[in-house]
Amino acid sequence: MTKQNFKDNPGYARFTARASFVPSARAHKYKVGEIVTLARSVSVTRPKAAQSELPAARFEITRLLPEQEKSFHYRLKDAVTGQERVAAEDSIVETTS
């Protein structure tokens, strides 16, 4: 049995083209299911009926989104109204409760 050079394999060029993509070494800071709030600089508007129920807007992370403009993004769901929004990682603050 002869030893074959791996560069002689026809799939080598295709493999190396995919291998040249290196994903970010960073990871998401928050996990799906965590309850977070948004930084004060982010405006959260709610209907009047929902404003009295909870003083600070609390959101559940429902999905991890890819990195855009050097910041990871998350899909968030308002715990009171059920409305969803997307927020960058730097605009999210961990809840203290």
C-alpha atoms as a PDB file:
ATOM      1  CA  MET A   1       0.000   0.000   0.000  1.00  0.00           C
ATOM      2  CA  THR A   2       1.476   3.318  -1.017  1.00  0.00           C
ATOM      3  CA  LYS A   3       1.206   6.421   1.064  1.00  0.00           C
ATOM      4  CA  GLN A   4      -0.813   9.050  -0.832  1.00  0.00           C
ATOM      5  CA  ASN A   5      -0.020  12.710  -0.483  1.00  0.00           C
ATOM      6  CA  PHE A   6      -3.129  14.490   0.810  1.00  0.00           C
ATOM      7  CA  LYS A   7      -2.624  17.327  -1.718  1.00  0.00           C
ATOM      8  CA  ASP A   8      -3.183  14.786  -4.528  1.00  0.00           C
ATOM      9  CA  ASN A   9      -6.739  14.277  -3.292  1.00  0.00           C
ATOM     10  CA  PRO A  10      -9.223  16.104  -5.606  1.00  0.00           C
ATOM     11  CA  GLY A  11     -11.276  17.267  -2.627  1.00  0.00           C
ATOM     12  CA  TYR A  12      -8.277  18.981  -1.028  1.00  0.00           C
ATOM     13  CA  ALA A  13      -8.819  22.357  -2.749  1.00  0.00           C
ATOM     14  CA  ARG A  14     -12.486  22.401  -1.776  1.00  0.00           C
ATOM     15  CA  PHE A  15     -11.640  21.461   1.811  1.00  0.00           C
ATOM     16  CA  THR A  16      -8.955  24.122   2.193  1.00  0.00           C
ATOM     17  CA  ALA A  17     -11.272  26.809   0.814  1.00  0.00           C
ATOM     18  CA  ARG A  18     -13.787  26.063   3.575  1.00  0.00           C
ATOM     19  CA  ALA A  19     -11.072  25.670   6.198  1.00  0.00           C
ATOM     20  CA  SER A  20      -9.777  29.183   5.528  1.00  0.00           C
ATOM     21  CA  PHE A  21     -12.871  30.637   7.248  1.00  0.00           C
ATOM     22  CA  VAL A  22     -12.060  31.074  10.923  1.00  0.00           C
ATOM     23  CA  PRO A  23     -15.032  31.840  13.183  1.00  0.00           C
ATOM     24  CA  SER A  24     -14.722  34.400  15.955  1.00  0.00           C
ATOM     25  CA  ALA A  25     -13.036  33.110  19.096  1.00  0.00           C
ATOM     26  CA  ARG A  26     -15.480  35.156  21.180  1.00  0.00           C
ATOM     27  CA  ALA A  27     -18.716  33.682  22.451  1.00  0.00           C
ATOM     28  CA  HIS A  28     -22.098  35.083  23.433  1.00  0.00           C
ATOM     29  CA  LYS A  29     -22.115  36.519  26.957  1.00  0.00           C
ATOM     30  CA  TYR A  30     -25.749  35.580  27.687  1.00  0.00           C
ATOM     31  CA  LYS A  31     -27.629  32.311  27.201  1.00  0.00           C
ATOM     32  CA  VAL A  32     -31.116  31.508  25.900  1.00  0.00           C
ATOM     33  CA  GLY A  33     -33.662  31.740  28.729  1.00  0.00           C
ATOM     34  CA  GLU A  34     -31.813  34.376  30.774  1.00  0.00           C
ATOM     35  CA  ILE A  35     -33.804  37.393  31.975  1.00  0.00           C
ATOM     36  CA  VAL A  36     -32.087  40.708  31.250  1.00  0.00           C
ATOM     37  CA  THR A  37     -32.854  44.415  31.064  1.00  0.00           C
ATOM     38  CA  LEU A  38     -31.748  46.976  28.517  1.00  0.00           C
ATOM     39  CA  ALA A  39     -29.334  49.801  29.247  1.00  0.00           C
ATOM     40  CA  ARG A  40     -30.916  53.143  30.127  1.00  0.00           C
ATOM     41  CA  SER A  41     -29.812  54.579  26.783  1.00  0.00           C
ATOM     42  CA  VAL A  42     -32.201  52.209  24.963  1.00  0.00           C
ATOM     43  CA  SER A  43     -35.779  53.458  24.948  1.00  0.00           C
ATOM     44  CA  VAL A  44     -38.504  50.919  25.741  1.00  0.00           C
ATOM     45  CA  THR A  45     -42.062  51.992  24.973  1.00  0.00           C
ATOM     46  CA  ARG A  46     -44.986  50.035  26.407  1.00  0.00           C
ATOM     47  CA  PRO A  47     -48.748  50.442  26.396  1.00  0.00           C
ATOM     48  CA  LYS A  48     -50.059  52.352  29.475  1.00  0.00           C
ATOM     49  CA  ALA A  49     -51.696  49.228  30.909  1.00  0.00           C
ATOM     50  CA  ALA A  50     -48.351  47.384  30.942  1.00  0.00           C
ATOM     51  CA  GLN A  51     -46.295  50.295  32.319  1.00  0.00           C
ATOM     52  CA  SER A  52     -47.719  49.956  35.825  1.00  0.00           C
ATOM     53  CA  GLU A  53     -47.099  46.196  36.026  1.00  0.00           C
ATOM     54  CA  LEU A  54     -43.309  46.320  35.945  1.00  0.00           C
ATOM     55  CA  PRO A  55     -41.134  49.395  36.558  1.00  0.00           C
ATOM     56  CA  ALA A  56     -38.140  48.152  34.549  1.00  0.00           C
ATOM     57  CA  ALA A  57     -38.506  46.391  31.227  1.00  0.00           C
ATOM     58  CA  ARG A  58     -37.390  42.773  31.643  1.00  0.00           C
ATOM     59  CA  PHE A  59     -36.681  40.636  28.619  1.00  0.00           C
ATOM     60  CA  GLU A  60     -36.100  36.919  28.122  1.00  0.00           C
ATOM     61  CA  ILE A  61     -33.406  35.952  25.628  1.00  0.00           C
ATOM     62  CA  THR A  62     -35.094  33.713  23.063  1.00  0.00           C
ATOM     63  CA  ARG A  63     -32.399  33.363  20.415  1.00  0.00           C
ATOM     64  CA  LEU A  64     -28.668  33.971  19.943  1.00  0.00           C
ATOM     65  CA  LEU A  65     -27.954  35.863  16.728  1.00  0.00           C
ATOM     66  CA  PRO A  66     -24.650  36.159  14.864  1.00  0.00           C
ATOM     67  CA  GLU A  67     -22.079  38.865  15.350  1.00  0.00           C
ATOM     68  CA  GLN A  68     -22.699  42.092  13.423  1.00  0.00           C
ATOM     69  CA  GLU A  69     -20.546  45.203  13.552  1.00  0.00           C
ATOM     70  CA  LYS A  70     -18.268  43.618  16.191  1.00  0.00           C
ATOM     71  CA  SER A  71     -21.120  42.936  18.623  1.00  0.00           C
ATOM     72  CA  PHE A  72     -23.241  39.839  19.173  1.00  0.00           C
ATOM     73  CA  HIS A  73     -26.995  40.293  18.871  1.00  0.00           C
ATOM     74  CA  TYR A  74     -29.900  38.656  20.700  1.00  0.00           C
ATOM     75  CA  ARG A  75     -33.625  38.240  20.099  1.00  0.00           C
ATOM     76  CA  LEU A  76     -35.453  39.354  23.242  1.00  0.00           C
ATOM     77  CA  LYS A  77     -39.052  38.914  24.343  1.00  0.00           C
ATOM     78  CA  ASP A  78     -40.681  41.405  26.734  1.00  0.00           C
ATOM     79  CA  ALA A  79     -41.774  39.505  29.835  1.00  0.00           C
ATOM     80  CA  VAL A  80     -44.959  41.594  30.205  1.00  0.00           C
ATOM     81  CA  THR A  81     -46.233  42.377  26.710  1.00  0.00           C
ATOM     82  CA  GLY A  82     -44.683  39.492  24.770  1.00  0.00           C
ATOM     83  CA  GLN A  83     -43.317  41.859  22.123  1.00  0.00           C
ATOM     84  CA  GLU A  84     -40.007  40.835  20.593  1.00  0.00           C
ATOM     85  CA  ARG A  85     -37.024  42.913  19.584  1.00  0.00           C
ATOM     86  CA  VAL A  86     -33.358  42.542  18.651  1.00  0.00           C
ATOM     87  CA  ALA A  87     -30.628  44.093  20.800  1.00  0.00           C
ATOM     88  CA  ALA A  88     -26.853  44.255  20.659  1.00  0.00           C
ATOM     89  CA  GLU A  89     -24.873  42.684  23.482  1.00  0.00           C
ATOM     90  CA  ASP A  90     -23.498  46.052  24.624  1.00  0.00           C
ATOM     91  CA  SER A  91     -27.032  47.381  25.192  1.00  0.00           C
ATOM     92  CA  ILE A  92     -28.015  44.508  27.532  1.00  0.00           C
ATOM     93  CA  VAL A  93     -27.611  44.613  31.315  1.00  0.00           C
ATOM     94  CA  GLU A  94     -27.908  41.576  33.575  1.00  0.00           C
ATOM     95  CA  THR A  95     -30.780  41.659  36.054  1.00  0.00           C
ATOM     96  CA  THR A  96     -29.820  41.689  39.716  1.00  0.00           C
ATOM     97  CA  SER A  97     -32.728  39.562  40.955  1.00  0.00           C
END
